[in-house]
Amino acid sequence: MCKGLTVPIVIFDQLYSFDIDGLIKAIPKPAKMEATRFKQAAEELFWRIIQMADNTGASDEHRALNYLAVRYNEIYNRTAEAFAANSSLTAVDIRPSRLSGIRKIFDVIFSYTNRQTDVTDKYFVRVDVTEEFPFLVTKMSPYYDR
């Protein structure tokens, strides 16, 4: 039928379908934050994650980041709070965690730089991607370079 052509087969165990507005509206807004400011910050973070180079979701690093983008509200809250404190999201780095042993654990590091002082604050989340479904290992915490 296909003249011997072999095509890849894709199988889904779980599939999420949403639009960006639906995702942003579903994120609980911090109590002290104005709705418009929160929406702007959350949208910017989401678009940065989506537009990161080569994020097809095929690598473990991208799986960790994509998991956070749709399942962990705190990254949006932290970004909105940083924007309110006159800081910008300047980097998102993904590194293998020092806690990795037989499990594949990644540190996802978010850097926020103050627009006036150029001081950078970093926060990180640990995500385990060993098995089919990633999960959170540690909640968002301050990150300190060694």
C-alpha atoms as a PDB file:
ATOM      1  CA  MET A   1       0.000   0.000   0.000  1.00  0.00           C
ATOM      2  CA  CYS A   2       2.842   2.451   0.843  1.00  0.00           C
ATOM      3  CA  LYS A   3       5.298   0.783  -1.577  1.00  0.00           C
ATOM      4  CA  GLY A   4       7.547  -0.407   1.251  1.00  0.00           C
ATOM      5  CA  LEU A   5       7.733   2.976   2.970  1.00  0.00           C
ATOM      6  CA  THR A   6       8.298   2.694   6.717  1.00  0.00           C
ATOM      7  CA  VAL A   7       6.892   5.485   8.831  1.00  0.00           C
ATOM      8  CA  PRO A   8       7.299   6.029  12.557  1.00  0.00           C
ATOM      9  CA  ILE A   9       4.400   5.127  14.794  1.00  0.00           C
ATOM     10  CA  VAL A  10       3.434   7.412  17.655  1.00  0.00           C
ATOM     11  CA  ILE A  11       1.528   6.122  20.660  1.00  0.00           C
ATOM     12  CA  PHE A  12       0.124   8.316  23.432  1.00  0.00           C
ATOM     13  CA  ASP A  13      -0.523   7.206  26.992  1.00  0.00           C
ATOM     14  CA  GLN A  14      -1.740  10.651  28.002  1.00  0.00           C
ATOM     15  CA  LEU A  15      -2.562  13.722  25.967  1.00  0.00           C
ATOM     16  CA  TYR A  16      -3.288  17.230  27.203  1.00  0.00           C
ATOM     17  CA  SER A  17      -5.166  19.644  25.018  1.00  0.00           C
ATOM     18  CA  PHE A  18      -5.462  23.288  26.016  1.00  0.00           C
ATOM     19  CA  ASP A  19      -5.007  26.770  24.673  1.00  0.00           C
ATOM     20  CA  ILE A  20      -2.642  29.262  26.294  1.00  0.00           C
ATOM     21  CA  ASP A  21      -5.432  31.417  27.717  1.00  0.00           C
ATOM     22  CA  GLY A  22      -7.006  28.336  29.307  1.00  0.00           C
ATOM     23  CA  LEU A  23      -3.702  27.322  30.891  1.00  0.00           C
ATOM     24  CA  ILE A  24      -2.980  30.814  32.244  1.00  0.00           C
ATOM     25  CA  LYS A  25      -6.523  31.162  33.650  1.00  0.00           C
ATOM     26  CA  ALA A  26      -6.187  27.779  35.399  1.00  0.00           C
ATOM     27  CA  ILE A  27      -3.070  28.870  37.317  1.00  0.00           C
ATOM     28  CA  PRO A  28      -3.937  30.136  40.818  1.00  0.00           C
ATOM     29  CA  LYS A  29      -2.905  33.799  41.037  1.00  0.00           C
ATOM     30  CA  PRO A  30      -0.996  34.944  44.129  1.00  0.00           C
ATOM     31  CA  ALA A  31      -3.344  36.834  46.473  1.00  0.00           C
ATOM     32  CA  LYS A  32      -1.359  40.081  46.452  1.00  0.00           C
ATOM     33  CA  MET A  33      -0.899  40.186  42.670  1.00  0.00           C
ATOM     34  CA  GLU A  34      -2.937  42.162  40.167  1.00  0.00           C
ATOM     35  CA  ALA A  35      -4.544  39.823  37.583  1.00  0.00           C
ATOM     36  CA  THR A  36      -3.203  41.648  34.505  1.00  0.00           C
ATOM     37  CA  ARG A  37       0.384  41.702  35.772  1.00  0.00           C
ATOM     38  CA  PHE A  38       0.208  38.027  36.653  1.00  0.00           C
ATOM     39  CA  LYS A  39      -1.194  37.129  33.230  1.00  0.00           C
ATOM     40  CA  GLN A  40       1.594  39.053  31.460  1.00  0.00           C
ATOM     41  CA  ALA A  41       4.333  37.383  33.504  1.00  0.00           C
ATOM     42  CA  ALA A  42       2.851  33.899  33.136  1.00  0.00           C
ATOM     43  CA  GLU A  43       2.447  34.285  29.371  1.00  0.00           C
ATOM     44  CA  GLU A  44       6.020  35.496  28.969  1.00  0.00           C
ATOM     45  CA  LEU A  45       7.386  32.534  30.932  1.00  0.00           C
ATOM     46  CA  PHE A  46       5.267  30.044  28.993  1.00  0.00           C
ATOM     47  CA  TRP A  47       6.394  31.463  25.626  1.00  0.00           C
ATOM     48  CA  ARG A  48      10.044  31.405  26.703  1.00  0.00           C
ATOM     49  CA  ILE A  49       9.787  27.735  27.595  1.00  0.00           C
ATOM     50  CA  ILE A  50       8.046  26.891  24.327  1.00  0.00           C
ATOM     51  CA  GLN A  51      10.519  28.874  22.223  1.00  0.00           C
ATOM     52  CA  MET A  52      13.665  27.459  23.816  1.00  0.00           C
ATOM     53  CA  ALA A  53      15.909  26.090  21.096  1.00  0.00           C
ATOM     54  CA  ASP A  54      15.006  22.601  19.927  1.00  0.00           C
ATOM     55  CA  ASN A  55      12.435  21.922  22.663  1.00  0.00           C
ATOM     56  CA  THR A  56      10.651  19.053  20.961  1.00  0.00           C
ATOM     57  CA  GLY A  57      10.109  17.233  24.244  1.00  0.00           C
ATOM     58  CA  ALA A  58      12.289  14.343  23.125  1.00  0.00           C
ATOM     59  CA  SER A  59      15.182  14.836  25.582  1.00  0.00           C
ATOM     60  CA  ASP A  60      14.986  14.287  29.326  1.00  0.00           C
ATOM     61  CA  GLU A  61      15.851  17.956  29.922  1.00  0.00           C
ATOM     62  CA  HIS A  62      12.918  19.099  27.793  1.00  0.00           C
ATOM     63  CA  ARG A  63      10.581  16.611  29.440  1.00  0.00           C
ATOM     64  CA  ALA A  64      11.482  18.107  32.836  1.00  0.00           C
ATOM     65  CA  LEU A  65      10.900  21.662  31.618  1.00  0.00           C
ATOM     66  CA  ASN A  66       7.662  20.825  29.792  1.00  0.00           C
ATOM     67  CA  TYR A  67       6.369  19.020  32.884  1.00  0.00           C
ATOM     68  CA  LEU A  68       6.939  22.178  34.939  1.00  0.00           C
ATOM     69  CA  ALA A  69       5.297  24.378  32.301  1.00  0.00           C
ATOM     70  CA  VAL A  70       1.972  22.561  32.535  1.00  0.00           C
ATOM     71  CA  ARG A  71       1.981  21.039  36.018  1.00  0.00           C
ATOM     72  CA  TYR A  72       3.806  23.340  38.466  1.00  0.00           C
ATOM     73  CA  ASN A  73       2.159  26.684  39.264  1.00  0.00           C
ATOM     74  CA  GLU A  74       4.989  28.001  41.401  1.00  0.00           C
ATOM     75  CA  ILE A  75       7.219  28.816  38.404  1.00  0.00           C
ATOM     76  CA  TYR A  76       4.553  31.245  37.191  1.00  0.00           C
ATOM     77  CA  ASN A  77       4.027  32.723  40.667  1.00  0.00           C
ATOM     78  CA  ARG A  78       7.779  33.216  41.171  1.00  0.00           C
ATOM     79  CA  THR A  79       8.107  34.900  37.755  1.00  0.00           C
ATOM     80  CA  ALA A  80       5.180  37.237  38.448  1.00  0.00           C
ATOM     81  CA  GLU A  81       6.645  38.162  41.846  1.00  0.00           C
ATOM     82  CA  ALA A  82      10.028  38.859  40.236  1.00  0.00           C
ATOM     83  CA  PHE A  83       8.395  41.104  37.623  1.00  0.00           C
ATOM     84  CA  ALA A  84       6.596  42.996  40.395  1.00  0.00           C
ATOM     85  CA  ALA A  85       9.963  43.481  42.146  1.00  0.00           C
ATOM     86  CA  ASN A  86      11.436  45.044  38.961  1.00  0.00           C
ATOM     87  CA  SER A  87      13.306  41.906  37.856  1.00  0.00           C
ATOM     88  CA  SER A  88      13.313  40.105  34.515  1.00  0.00           C
ATOM     89  CA  LEU A  89      13.567  36.406  33.730  1.00  0.00           C
ATOM     90  CA  THR A  90      17.040  36.219  32.188  1.00  0.00           C
ATOM     91  CA  ALA A  91      17.742  32.485  31.943  1.00  0.00           C
ATOM     92  CA  VAL A  92      16.316  29.010  32.324  1.00  0.00           C
ATOM     93  CA  ASP A  93      19.012  26.342  32.719  1.00  0.00           C
ATOM     94  CA  ILE A  94      18.561  22.590  33.005  1.00  0.00           C
ATOM     95  CA  ARG A  95      21.335  20.494  34.546  1.00  0.00           C
ATOM     96  CA  PRO A  96      21.653  16.940  35.808  1.00  0.00           C
ATOM     97  CA  SER A  97      21.223  17.018  39.573  1.00  0.00           C
ATOM     98  CA  ARG A  98      24.004  15.968  41.907  1.00  0.00           C
ATOM     99  CA  LEU A  99      21.334  13.795  43.545  1.00  0.00           C
ATOM    100  CA  SER A 100      21.075  11.642  40.423  1.00  0.00           C
ATOM    101  CA  GLY A 101      22.149   8.105  41.100  1.00  0.00           C
ATOM    102  CA  ILE A 102      20.215   5.390  39.377  1.00  0.00           C
ATOM    103  CA  ARG A 103      17.414   7.909  38.736  1.00  0.00           C
ATOM    104  CA  LYS A 104      17.456  10.708  36.161  1.00  0.00           C
ATOM    105  CA  ILE A 105      16.947  13.889  38.166  1.00  0.00           C
ATOM    106  CA  PHE A 106      17.372  17.381  36.719  1.00  0.00           C
ATOM    107  CA  ASP A 107      17.709  20.788  38.326  1.00  0.00           C
ATOM    108  CA  VAL A 108      15.720  23.408  36.410  1.00  0.00           C
ATOM    109  CA  ILE A 109      17.166  26.814  37.345  1.00  0.00           C
ATOM    110  CA  PHE A 110      15.319  30.092  36.781  1.00  0.00           C
ATOM    111  CA  SER A 111      17.409  33.301  36.903  1.00  0.00           C
ATOM    112  CA  TYR A 112      15.847  36.700  37.581  1.00  0.00           C
ATOM    113  CA  THR A 113      17.935  39.866  37.195  1.00  0.00           C
ATOM    114  CA  ASN A 114      16.960  43.150  38.804  1.00  0.00           C
ATOM    115  CA  ARG A 115      16.611  45.864  36.153  1.00  0.00           C
ATOM    116  CA  GLN A 116      18.203  48.562  38.322  1.00  0.00           C
ATOM    117  CA  THR A 117      20.926  46.771  40.277  1.00  0.00           C
ATOM    118  CA  ASP A 118      21.789  43.909  37.850  1.00  0.00           C
ATOM    119  CA  VAL A 119      21.753  41.521  40.823  1.00  0.00           C
ATOM    120  CA  THR A 120      20.616  38.045  39.788  1.00  0.00           C
ATOM    121  CA  ASP A 121      18.525  35.791  42.028  1.00  0.00           C
ATOM    122  CA  LYS A 122      18.229  32.138  41.095  1.00  0.00           C
ATOM    123  CA  TYR A 123      15.605  29.567  42.043  1.00  0.00           C
ATOM    124  CA  PHE A 124      15.484  25.886  41.149  1.00  0.00           C
ATOM    125  CA  VAL A 125      13.197  22.895  41.067  1.00  0.00           C
ATOM    126  CA  ARG A 126      14.239  19.244  40.908  1.00  0.00           C
ATOM    127  CA  VAL A 127      12.332  16.967  38.540  1.00  0.00           C
ATOM    128  CA  ASP A 128      12.676  13.192  38.183  1.00  0.00           C
ATOM    129  CA  VAL A 129      12.255  11.996  34.586  1.00  0.00           C
ATOM    130  CA  THR A 130      13.389   8.399  35.074  1.00  0.00           C
ATOM    131  CA  GLU A 131      10.054   6.844  34.267  1.00  0.00           C
ATOM    132  CA  GLU A 132       7.291   7.596  31.805  1.00  0.00           C
ATOM    133  CA  PHE A 133       5.691  10.362  33.861  1.00  0.00           C
ATOM    134  CA  PRO A 134       7.993  13.034  35.353  1.00  0.00           C
ATOM    135  CA  PHE A 135       7.403  14.185  38.920  1.00  0.00           C
ATOM    136  CA  LEU A 136       8.605  16.884  41.291  1.00  0.00           C
ATOM    137  CA  VAL A 137      11.430  15.952  43.666  1.00  0.00           C
ATOM    138  CA  THR A 138      11.834  19.299  45.442  1.00  0.00           C
ATOM    139  CA  LYS A 139       9.735  22.439  45.424  1.00  0.00           C
ATOM    140  CA  MET A 140      11.082  25.756  44.155  1.00  0.00           C
ATOM    141  CA  SER A 141      13.929  26.934  46.371  1.00  0.00           C
ATOM    142  CA  PRO A 142      16.729  29.501  46.200  1.00  0.00           C
ATOM    143  CA  TYR A 143      19.680  28.311  44.129  1.00  0.00           C
ATOM    144  CA  TYR A 144      23.260  29.211  44.996  1.00  0.00           C
ATOM    145  CA  ASP A 145      26.186  28.760  42.611  1.00  0.00           C
ATOM    146  CA  ARG A 146      29.161  26.986  44.078  1.00  0.00           C
END
